[in-house]
Amino acid sequence: MTSLTEEAAKLAQSRADENEIAAGREREQLEGWVPEMATEDEVREALEKAFDYRGDITVTRKDGSQVQGYLFDRRSGSTLANSFVKIIPTYEKNKLNIAYADIAALEFSGRDNAAGKTFEAWVKKYWEKKAAGETNIQIEPEKLD
């Protein structure tokens, strides 16, 4: 007969095992996407997705100028005029602040550097290498383009 503490330990281990194999967050394929930005909600949603994106974006301002770079921060205010994105331009040294209200269009123009790089993808590659007889398999960073 098992004790109550043994049963509790088994239950705790079972829950830990369930959490360990929980599915990750599904990521959208955004590369090349040009979102509709007709309403305030669409502007905010598109810029939130751009913040999560791990590639360059191209912002077209209402004055027609364009900025290509990595969106690394955003500040969401009560209006579009007092909400800002911070971008590191691809070909400049200075970081830029751009008001949401000044953005006419947005394109997810750069390659998503995080696409396909989930833990699940690594595990799949690991088991493929293991099945092929490889040894000393380890996580290694990919070369940058």
Protein backbone atom coordinates (compact mmCIF):
# COMPACT_ATOMS: atom_id res chain seq x y z
CA MET A 1 0.00 0.00 0.00
CA THR A 2 1.35 3.43 -0.91
CA SER A 3 1.37 6.33 1.47
CA LEU A 4 -0.39 9.62 0.93
CA THR A 5 2.93 11.43 0.41
CA GLU A 6 3.98 8.95 -2.28
CA GLU A 7 0.67 9.55 -4.10
CA ALA A 8 1.14 13.32 -3.80
CA ALA A 9 4.69 13.02 -5.17
CA LYS A 10 3.45 10.94 -8.14
CA LEU A 11 0.72 13.50 -8.87
CA ALA A 12 3.22 16.38 -8.70
CA GLN A 13 5.60 14.53 -11.06
CA SER A 14 2.75 13.82 -13.47
CA ARG A 15 1.84 17.53 -13.58
CA ALA A 16 5.49 18.49 -14.08
CA ASP A 17 5.74 16.03 -16.99
CA GLU A 18 2.60 17.52 -18.57
CA ASN A 19 4.04 21.03 -18.32
CA GLU A 20 7.32 19.93 -19.84
CA ILE A 21 5.68 18.80 -23.06
CA ALA A 22 3.20 21.67 -23.32
CA ALA A 23 2.98 23.15 -26.80
CA GLY A 24 4.73 26.44 -27.45
CA ARG A 25 3.08 29.56 -28.73
CA GLU A 26 2.19 29.37 -32.40
CA ARG A 27 3.98 32.10 -34.38
CA GLU A 28 2.43 33.75 -37.39
CA GLN A 29 4.22 33.82 -40.73
CA LEU A 30 4.69 37.59 -41.05
CA GLU A 31 7.61 37.82 -43.45
CA GLY A 32 6.53 39.93 -46.46
CA TRP A 33 3.22 40.92 -44.86
CA VAL A 34 1.86 44.45 -45.43
CA PRO A 35 -0.91 44.93 -42.86
CA GLU A 36 -4.02 47.04 -43.31
CA MET A 37 -3.67 50.07 -41.07
CA ALA A 38 -6.98 51.86 -41.63
CA THR A 39 -8.15 52.05 -38.01
CA GLU A 40 -6.39 52.89 -34.77
CA ASP A 41 -6.81 49.28 -33.57
CA GLU A 42 -5.22 47.95 -36.79
CA VAL A 43 -2.26 50.32 -36.38
CA ARG A 44 -1.72 49.24 -32.78
CA GLU A 45 -2.07 45.53 -33.59
CA ALA A 46 0.34 45.72 -36.54
CA LEU A 47 2.96 47.55 -34.48
CA GLU A 48 2.65 45.02 -31.63
CA LYS A 49 3.31 42.24 -34.14
CA ALA A 50 6.24 44.24 -35.54
CA PHE A 51 7.68 44.48 -32.02
CA ASP A 52 7.55 40.67 -31.67
CA TYR A 53 9.01 40.16 -35.16
CA ARG A 54 12.71 39.21 -35.26
CA GLY A 55 13.53 40.74 -38.62
CA ASP A 56 13.65 44.14 -40.24
CA ILE A 57 10.54 46.09 -41.05
CA THR A 58 10.01 49.01 -43.40
CA VAL A 59 8.01 51.97 -42.11
CA THR A 60 6.61 54.44 -44.61
CA ARG A 61 5.86 57.76 -42.98
CA LYS A 62 2.97 59.98 -44.00
CA ASP A 63 5.49 62.40 -45.55
CA GLY A 64 6.57 59.58 -47.93
CA SER A 65 9.98 58.89 -46.34
CA GLN A 66 10.87 55.32 -45.46
CA VAL A 67 12.86 53.77 -42.64
CA GLN A 68 14.06 50.18 -42.78
CA GLY A 69 15.34 48.60 -39.60
CA TYR A 70 14.71 46.63 -36.46
CA LEU A 71 11.83 47.73 -34.22
CA PHE A 72 13.19 47.16 -30.70
CA ASP A 73 10.74 49.04 -28.48
CA ARG A 74 7.35 50.73 -28.44
CA ARG A 75 5.45 53.00 -26.08
CA SER A 76 1.70 52.80 -26.32
CA GLY A 77 -0.04 55.98 -25.21
CA SER A 78 -3.68 56.99 -25.07
CA THR A 79 -3.57 58.33 -28.66
CA LEU A 80 -1.58 57.51 -31.80
CA ALA A 81 0.15 60.89 -31.51
CA ASN A 82 1.62 60.04 -28.11
CA SER A 83 2.48 56.42 -28.96
CA PHE A 84 5.95 55.73 -30.39
CA VAL A 85 8.07 52.97 -31.89
CA LYS A 86 11.85 52.89 -31.56
CA ILE A 87 13.77 51.61 -34.56
CA ILE A 88 17.43 50.88 -35.19
CA PRO A 89 17.78 51.78 -38.89
CA THR A 90 19.64 49.30 -41.06
CA TYR A 91 22.06 51.85 -42.52
CA GLU A 92 22.33 54.47 -39.76
CA LYS A 93 23.82 54.64 -36.27
CA ASN A 94 21.15 56.70 -34.52
CA LYS A 95 18.00 55.12 -33.12
CA LEU A 96 14.76 56.73 -34.26
CA ASN A 97 11.49 57.45 -32.46
CA ILE A 98 8.48 57.49 -34.78
CA ALA A 99 4.99 58.40 -33.62
CA TYR A 100 2.28 55.89 -34.52
CA ALA A 101 0.34 58.84 -35.99
CA ASP A 102 3.18 59.48 -38.49
CA ILE A 103 3.10 55.93 -39.92
CA ALA A 104 1.26 55.50 -43.23
CA ALA A 105 2.33 51.92 -44.02
CA LEU A 106 4.29 49.03 -42.58
CA GLU A 107 5.96 46.07 -44.27
CA PHE A 108 7.61 43.06 -42.66
CA SER A 109 10.43 43.32 -45.19
CA GLY A 110 13.33 41.45 -43.61
CA ARG A 111 13.83 37.74 -43.02
CA ASP A 112 12.41 36.55 -39.69
CA ASN A 113 15.58 35.38 -37.96
CA ALA A 114 13.63 33.43 -35.34
CA ALA A 115 11.42 31.48 -37.77
CA GLY A 116 11.74 27.72 -37.35
CA LYS A 117 14.01 28.01 -34.34
CA THR A 118 11.77 26.58 -31.66
CA PHE A 119 12.89 24.02 -29.13
CA GLU A 120 10.61 21.53 -30.86
CA ALA A 121 12.45 22.13 -34.17
CA TRP A 122 15.79 21.52 -32.43
CA VAL A 123 14.52 18.30 -30.82
CA LYS A 124 13.33 17.06 -34.22
CA LYS A 125 16.77 17.76 -35.74
CA TYR A 126 18.42 16.08 -32.75
CA TRP A 127 16.44 12.84 -33.21
CA GLU A 128 17.07 12.86 -36.96
CA LYS A 129 20.82 13.13 -36.34
CA LYS A 130 20.66 10.49 -33.62
CA ALA A 131 18.78 8.11 -35.95
CA ALA A 132 21.44 8.70 -38.61
CA GLY A 133 24.09 7.52 -36.13
CA GLU A 134 25.65 10.88 -35.30
CA THR A 135 27.22 11.32 -31.89
CA ASN A 136 28.23 14.36 -29.83
CA ILE A 137 25.11 16.23 -30.96
CA GLN A 138 24.77 19.68 -29.40
CA ILE A 139 23.02 23.00 -29.80
CA GLU A 140 25.09 25.33 -31.94
CA PRO A 141 24.26 28.86 -33.06
CA GLU A 142 23.49 29.33 -36.72
CA LYS A 143 25.76 31.50 -38.80
CA LEU A 144 24.48 35.01 -39.44
CA ASP A 145 23.92 36.10 -43.02
